[in-house]
N, C-alpha and C. Protein backbone atom coordinates (compact mmCIF):
# COMPACT_ATOMS: atom_id res chain seq x y z
N UNK A 1 0.72 -1.23 0.01
CA UNK A 1 0.14 -0.11 0.16
C UNK A 1 0.61 1.20 -0.17
N UNK A 2 0.39 2.37 -0.81
CA UNK A 2 1.31 3.78 -0.95
C UNK A 2 1.02 4.59 -0.26
N UNK A 3 1.90 5.47 0.13
CA UNK A 3 1.29 6.51 0.97
C UNK A 3 0.22 7.20 0.16
N UNK A 4 0.08 7.22 -1.01
CA UNK A 4 -1.59 8.40 -1.41
C UNK A 4 -2.65 6.88 -1.44
N UNK A 5 -2.44 5.82 -1.29
CA UNK A 5 -3.50 4.82 -1.03
C UNK A 5 -4.00 5.28 0.62
N UNK A 6 -3.19 5.64 1.52
CA UNK A 6 -3.26 5.58 3.04
C UNK A 6 -3.57 6.99 3.32
N UNK A 7 -3.35 8.02 2.24
CA UNK A 7 -3.79 9.41 2.59
C UNK A 7 -5.14 9.63 1.78
N UNK A 8 -5.76 8.99 1.10
CA UNK A 8 -6.64 9.47 0.22
C UNK A 8 -7.98 9.57 1.16
N UNK A 9 -8.27 8.87 1.94
CA UNK A 9 -9.44 9.55 2.94
C UNK A 9 -9.27 10.81 3.51
N UNK A 10 -8.24 11.24 4.01
CA UNK A 10 -7.73 12.23 4.39
C UNK A 10 -8.06 13.74 3.26
N UNK A 11 -7.69 13.32 2.08
CA UNK A 11 -8.03 14.24 1.14
C UNK A 11 -9.37 14.27 0.89
N UNK A 12 -9.95 13.27 0.77
CA UNK A 12 -11.50 13.35 0.22
C UNK A 12 -12.03 14.07 1.38
N UNK A 13 -11.85 13.93 2.39
CA UNK A 13 -12.72 14.77 3.65
C UNK A 13 -12.18 16.30 3.58
N UNK A 14 -11.66 16.61 2.99
CA UNK A 14 -11.26 18.19 2.55
C UNK A 14 -11.98 18.68 1.40
N UNK A 15 -12.55 17.77 1.01
CA UNK A 15 -13.42 18.42 -0.36
C UNK A 15 -14.52 19.54 -0.06
N UNK A 16 -15.29 19.10 0.51
CA UNK A 16 -16.31 19.66 0.80
C UNK A 16 -15.79 21.41 1.33
N UNK A 17 -14.47 21.36 2.47
CA UNK A 17 -14.37 22.43 2.86
C UNK A 17 -13.60 23.22 1.87
N UNK A 18 -12.83 22.59 0.93
CA UNK A 18 -12.20 23.59 -0.21
C UNK A 18 -13.34 23.72 -1.32
N UNK A 19 -14.43 23.35 -1.51
CA UNK A 19 -15.61 23.62 -2.19
C UNK A 19 -16.26 25.12 -1.57
N UNK A 20 -16.43 25.07 -0.22
CA UNK A 20 -16.89 26.14 0.27
C UNK A 20 -16.02 27.08 -0.02
N UNK A 21 -14.38 26.72 0.17
CA UNK A 21 -13.59 28.01 0.52
C UNK A 21 -13.60 28.67 -1.50
N UNK A 22 -14.01 27.59 -2.47
CA UNK A 22 -14.18 28.22 -3.81
C UNK A 22 -15.32 29.10 -4.21
N UNK A 23 -16.42 28.79 -3.23
CA UNK A 23 -17.44 29.37 -3.48
C UNK A 23 -17.15 30.99 -2.94
N UNK A 24 -16.86 31.29 -1.73
CA UNK A 24 -16.49 32.19 -1.34
C UNK A 24 -15.03 33.17 -2.24
N UNK A 25 -14.37 32.23 -2.74
CA UNK A 25 -13.47 33.16 -3.49
C UNK A 25 -13.84 33.25 -5.03
N UNK A 26 -14.89 33.08 -5.29
CA UNK A 26 -15.58 32.84 -6.67
C UNK A 26 -15.82 34.47 -6.61
N UNK A 27 -15.50 35.06 -8.07
CA UNK A 27 -15.75 36.47 -8.40
C UNK A 27 -17.03 37.19 -8.19
N UNK A 28 -18.04 35.80 -8.75
CA UNK A 28 -19.19 36.44 -8.99
C UNK A 28 -20.11 35.94 -7.30
N UNK A 29 -19.39 35.35 -6.75
CA UNK A 29 -20.11 35.18 -5.30
C UNK A 29 -20.62 36.14 -4.65
N UNK A 30 -21.83 36.71 -3.39
CA UNK A 30 -22.20 37.61 -3.14
C UNK A 30 -21.48 37.59 -1.90
N UNK A 31 -20.97 38.97 -1.25
CA UNK A 31 -20.08 38.87 -0.11
C UNK A 31 -21.00 38.80 0.98
N UNK A 32 -20.53 37.86 1.92
CA UNK A 32 -21.37 37.57 3.43
C UNK A 32 -20.54 38.78 4.22
N UNK A 33 -21.61 38.88 5.15
CA UNK A 33 -20.85 39.77 6.15
C UNK A 33 -19.41 39.42 6.39
N UNK A 34 -18.76 40.07 6.93
CA UNK A 34 -17.40 39.94 7.43
C UNK A 34 -17.33 38.94 8.52
N UNK A 35 -18.16 39.01 9.98
CA UNK A 35 -18.24 38.07 10.40
C UNK A 35 -18.34 36.64 10.14
N UNK A 36 -19.65 36.92 8.85
CA UNK A 36 -19.84 35.04 8.38
C UNK A 36 -18.83 34.73 7.68
N UNK A 37 -18.14 35.48 7.02
CA UNK A 37 -16.90 34.95 6.18
C UNK A 37 -15.76 34.66 6.98
N UNK A 38 -15.42 35.29 7.95
CA UNK A 38 -14.27 35.06 8.58
C UNK A 38 -14.90 33.45 9.36
N UNK A 39 -16.06 33.51 9.89
CA UNK A 39 -16.42 31.94 10.91
C UNK A 39 -16.26 31.05 9.42
N UNK A 40 -16.82 31.00 8.33
CA UNK A 40 -16.60 29.96 7.58
C UNK A 40 -15.51 29.89 6.72
N UNK A 41 -14.49 30.75 6.76
CA UNK A 41 -13.30 30.25 5.96
C UNK A 41 -12.08 29.95 7.65
N UNK A 42 -12.31 30.25 9.03
CA UNK A 42 -11.68 29.40 9.76
C UNK A 42 -12.16 28.34 9.97
N UNK A 43 -13.53 28.10 9.93
CA UNK A 43 -13.83 26.44 9.97
C UNK A 43 -13.26 25.50 9.17
N UNK A 44 -13.26 26.12 7.50
CA UNK A 44 -12.81 25.25 6.51
C UNK A 44 -11.45 25.49 6.64
N UNK A 45 -10.90 26.17 6.61
CA UNK A 45 -9.26 26.08 6.61
C UNK A 45 -8.85 25.38 7.55
N UNK A 46 -9.24 25.65 9.11
CA UNK A 46 -8.93 24.66 10.29
C UNK A 46 -9.03 22.90 9.96
N UNK A 47 -10.22 22.95 9.49
CA UNK A 47 -10.66 21.32 8.94
C UNK A 47 -9.37 20.62 7.99
N UNK A 48 -9.04 21.52 6.81
CA UNK A 48 -8.13 21.02 5.75
C UNK A 48 -6.85 21.33 6.49
N UNK A 49 -6.17 21.85 7.23
CA UNK A 49 -5.09 22.14 8.14
C UNK A 49 -5.09 20.50 8.89
N UNK A 50 -6.10 20.30 9.73
CA UNK A 50 -6.03 19.08 10.14
C UNK A 50 -5.97 17.93 9.27
N UNK A 51 -6.72 17.73 8.76
CA UNK A 51 -6.69 16.76 7.55
C UNK A 51 -5.10 16.53 6.96
N UNK A 52 -4.67 17.69 6.55
CA UNK A 52 -3.27 17.58 5.89
C UNK A 52 -2.39 17.36 6.93
N UNK A 53 -2.41 17.91 8.23
CA UNK A 53 -1.39 17.45 9.03
C UNK A 53 -1.43 15.84 9.36
N UNK A 54 -2.74 15.37 9.57
CA UNK A 54 -2.75 13.79 9.72
C UNK A 54 -2.31 12.83 8.65
N UNK A 55 -2.59 13.56 7.38
CA UNK A 55 -2.11 12.92 6.19
C UNK A 55 -0.55 12.99 6.14
N UNK A 56 0.12 14.29 6.60
CA UNK A 56 1.63 14.17 6.91
C UNK A 56 1.85 13.29 7.75
N UNK A 57 1.14 13.08 8.95
CA UNK A 57 2.39 11.96 9.91
C UNK A 57 1.97 10.60 9.08
N UNK A 58 0.95 10.38 8.64
CA UNK A 58 0.87 9.14 7.83
C UNK A 58 1.68 8.80 6.86
N UNK A 59 1.87 9.87 6.24
CA UNK A 59 3.21 9.82 4.88
C UNK A 59 4.41 9.65 5.70
N UNK A 60 4.87 10.04 6.83
CA UNK A 60 6.14 10.43 7.38
C UNK A 60 6.03 8.95 8.02
N UNK A 61 4.95 8.38 8.52
CA UNK A 61 4.92 7.13 9.17
C UNK A 61 5.57 5.75 8.23
N UNK A 62 5.15 6.16 6.84
CA UNK A 62 5.04 5.21 5.87
C UNK A 62 6.16 5.18 4.95
N UNK A 63 6.41 6.68 4.74
CA UNK A 63 7.32 7.07 3.61
C UNK A 63 8.74 6.35 3.50
N UNK A 64 9.25 6.39 4.73
CA UNK A 64 10.75 5.97 4.99
C UNK A 64 11.60 6.53 4.00
N UNK A 65 11.20 8.02 3.71
CA UNK A 65 12.49 8.75 3.27
C UNK A 65 13.20 9.30 4.26
N UNK A 66 13.11 8.87 5.71
CA UNK A 66 13.91 9.39 6.49
C UNK A 66 13.34 10.97 6.80
N UNK A 67 14.44 12.07 7.30
CA UNK A 67 13.82 13.24 8.15
C UNK A 67 13.48 14.06 7.08
N UNK A 68 13.98 14.07 5.53
CA UNK A 68 13.68 15.15 4.54
C UNK A 68 12.50 15.11 4.67
N UNK A 69 11.37 13.86 4.54
CA UNK A 69 10.13 14.07 4.12
C UNK A 69 9.22 14.81 5.27
N UNK A 70 9.63 14.72 6.19
CA UNK A 70 9.12 15.13 7.39
C UNK A 70 9.46 16.73 7.37
N UNK A 71 10.67 17.42 6.98
CA UNK A 71 10.76 18.68 6.74
C UNK A 71 10.09 19.16 5.75
N UNK A 72 10.17 18.91 4.85
CA UNK A 72 9.62 18.98 3.79
C UNK A 72 7.88 19.46 3.88
N UNK A 73 7.78 18.44 4.19
CA UNK A 73 5.55 18.54 4.83
C UNK A 73 5.70 19.51 6.19
N UNK A 74 6.74 19.42 6.34
CA UNK A 74 6.45 20.34 7.84
C UNK A 74 6.56 21.83 7.54
N UNK A 75 7.54 22.12 6.40
CA UNK A 75 7.63 23.53 5.59
C UNK A 75 6.31 23.89 5.00
N UNK A 76 5.50 23.07 4.32
CA UNK A 76 4.31 23.20 3.49
C UNK A 76 3.25 23.48 4.24
N UNK A 77 3.20 22.74 5.53
CA UNK A 77 2.40 22.74 6.51
C UNK A 77 2.18 24.11 6.59
N UNK A 78 3.28 24.86 7.37
CA UNK A 78 3.78 25.85 8.01
C UNK A 78 3.14 27.03 7.03
N UNK A 79 3.52 26.90 5.74
CA UNK A 79 2.75 27.87 4.59
C UNK A 79 1.64 27.91 4.59
N UNK A 80 0.63 26.75 4.68
CA UNK A 80 -0.50 26.54 4.75
C UNK A 80 -1.11 27.38 5.64
N UNK A 81 -0.52 27.19 6.86
CA UNK A 81 -1.25 27.66 7.96
C UNK A 81 -0.90 29.42 8.14
N UNK A 82 0.05 29.66 7.56
CA UNK A 82 0.23 31.13 7.00
C UNK A 82 -1.12 31.54 6.15
N UNK A 83 -1.22 30.80 5.16
CA UNK A 83 -2.34 31.15 4.37
C UNK A 83 -3.73 31.37 4.87
N UNK A 84 -3.62 30.51 5.78
CA UNK A 84 -5.21 30.18 6.46
C UNK A 84 -5.43 31.62 7.39
N UNK A 85 -4.51 31.79 8.12
CA UNK A 85 -4.29 33.15 8.85
C UNK A 85 -4.53 34.34 7.98
N UNK A 86 -3.82 34.58 6.92
CA UNK A 86 -3.97 35.65 6.37
C UNK A 86 -5.58 35.57 5.59
N UNK A 87 -6.13 34.50 5.30
CA UNK A 87 -7.10 34.61 4.82
C UNK A 87 -8.34 34.94 5.73
N UNK A 88 -8.29 34.17 6.95
CA UNK A 88 -9.07 34.74 8.14
C UNK A 88 -9.17 36.09 8.60
N UNK A 89 -7.79 36.63 8.26
CA UNK A 89 -7.28 38.22 8.49
C UNK A 89 -8.55 38.92 7.56
N UNK A 90 -8.22 38.70 6.22
CA UNK A 90 -8.97 39.42 5.10
C UNK A 90 -10.51 39.24 5.39
N UNK A 91 -11.08 38.28 5.86
CA UNK A 91 -12.40 38.12 5.73
C UNK A 91 -13.19 38.85 7.05
N UNK A 92 -12.02 38.80 7.94
CA UNK A 92 -12.48 39.45 9.22
C UNK A 92 -12.31 41.23 8.86
N UNK A 93 -11.71 41.51 8.23
CA UNK A 93 -11.40 42.67 7.76
C UNK A 93 -12.35 43.39 6.70
N UNK A 94 -13.35 42.23 6.42
CA UNK A 94 -14.13 42.83 4.94
C UNK A 94 -13.41 43.08 3.65
N UNK A 95 -12.24 42.71 3.45
CA UNK A 95 -10.93 43.15 2.29
C UNK A 95 -11.49 41.82 1.50
N UNK A 96 -12.67 41.55 0.74
CA UNK A 96 -12.79 40.37 0.02
C UNK A 96 -11.72 40.22 -1.46
N UNK A 97 -11.42 41.64 -1.60
CA UNK A 97 -10.21 41.27 -2.80
C UNK A 97 -9.13 40.27 -2.13
N UNK A 98 -8.82 40.77 -1.02
CA UNK A 98 -7.72 40.24 -0.32
C UNK A 98 -8.21 38.42 0.05
N UNK A 99 -9.08 38.59 0.61
CA UNK A 99 -9.65 37.00 0.51
C UNK A 99 -9.67 36.34 -0.74
N UNK A 100 -10.34 36.64 -1.55
CA UNK A 100 -10.15 35.74 -2.81
C UNK A 100 -8.66 35.46 -3.12
N UNK A 101 -7.68 36.45 -2.92
CA UNK A 101 -6.35 36.08 -3.45
C UNK A 101 -5.78 34.97 -2.53
N UNK A 102 -5.89 35.19 -0.96
CA UNK A 102 -5.35 34.45 -0.10
C UNK A 102 -6.16 32.87 -0.44
N UNK A 103 -7.38 33.00 -0.63
CA UNK A 103 -7.85 31.76 -0.49
C UNK A 103 -7.64 31.26 -1.83
N UNK A 104 -7.33 31.65 -2.95
CA UNK A 104 -6.43 31.05 -4.00
C UNK A 104 -5.19 30.61 -3.67
N UNK A 105 -4.22 31.33 -2.86
CA UNK A 105 -3.07 30.83 -2.43
C UNK A 105 -3.34 29.30 -1.72
N UNK A 106 -4.23 29.64 -1.04
CA UNK A 106 -4.44 28.28 0.30
C UNK A 106 -4.60 27.47 -0.68
N UNK A 107 -5.60 27.57 -1.76
CA UNK A 107 -5.95 26.14 -2.33
C UNK A 107 -4.67 25.34 -2.84
N UNK A 108 -4.06 26.33 -3.66
CA UNK A 108 -2.81 26.02 -4.28
C UNK A 108 -1.74 25.21 -3.54
N UNK A 109 -1.62 25.77 -2.29
CA UNK A 109 -0.63 25.30 -1.28
C UNK A 109 -1.28 23.90 -0.79
N UNK A 110 -2.57 23.71 -0.41
CA UNK A 110 -3.33 22.36 -0.36
C UNK A 110 -3.11 21.32 -1.39
N UNK A 111 -3.24 21.92 -2.74
CA UNK A 111 -3.14 21.07 -3.86
C UNK A 111 -1.74 20.58 -4.07
N UNK A 112 -0.59 21.31 -3.45
CA UNK A 112 0.72 21.10 -3.56
C UNK A 112 1.00 20.09 -2.70
N UNK A 113 0.06 20.22 -1.66
CA UNK A 113 0.54 18.99 -0.39
C UNK A 113 0.39 17.77 -1.02
N UNK A 114 -0.96 17.43 -1.64
CA UNK A 114 -1.62 16.44 -1.84
C UNK A 114 -0.59 15.90 -3.06
N UNK A 115 -0.19 16.94 -3.87
CA UNK A 115 0.68 16.32 -4.83
C UNK A 115 1.89 15.60 -4.51
N UNK A 116 2.80 16.21 -3.58
CA UNK A 116 3.46 15.41 -2.96
C UNK A 116 3.46 14.07 -2.40
N UNK A 117 2.23 14.21 -1.26
CA UNK A 117 2.03 12.87 -0.78
C UNK A 117 1.72 11.91 -1.81
N UNK A 118 0.70 12.31 -2.77
CA UNK A 118 0.46 11.26 -4.00
C UNK A 118 1.87 10.57 -4.94
N UNK A 119 2.77 11.53 -4.80
CA UNK A 119 3.80 10.98 -5.69
C UNK A 119 4.57 9.81 -4.55
N UNK A 120 4.44 9.60 -3.58
CA UNK A 120 5.04 8.79 -2.28
C UNK A 120 4.85 7.24 -2.60
């Protein structure tokens, strides 16, 4: 069983949260109130971070690549957490232009993490 096989469930549980973020980031979306947007962004990004961290632990446990994989994934997760924080802050400030930018970055970083784990 590969790392990708063992982390597939984590990735699948992120999909509803990623869809919520995509809806908030879409240009045609009606802007919710800042406090509601902030709550939705925080909930979705927290859930995705938790799944990515759990998948990272699983990947390190079966990866067999020594400390290199752990360091690489740790750096990726740190970047993802920063992007999540920036998105939450932008939502709370009611800056939906910045929110869309940060959510697109968050999604790209999430995709990169899954790509790395899928290649193991």
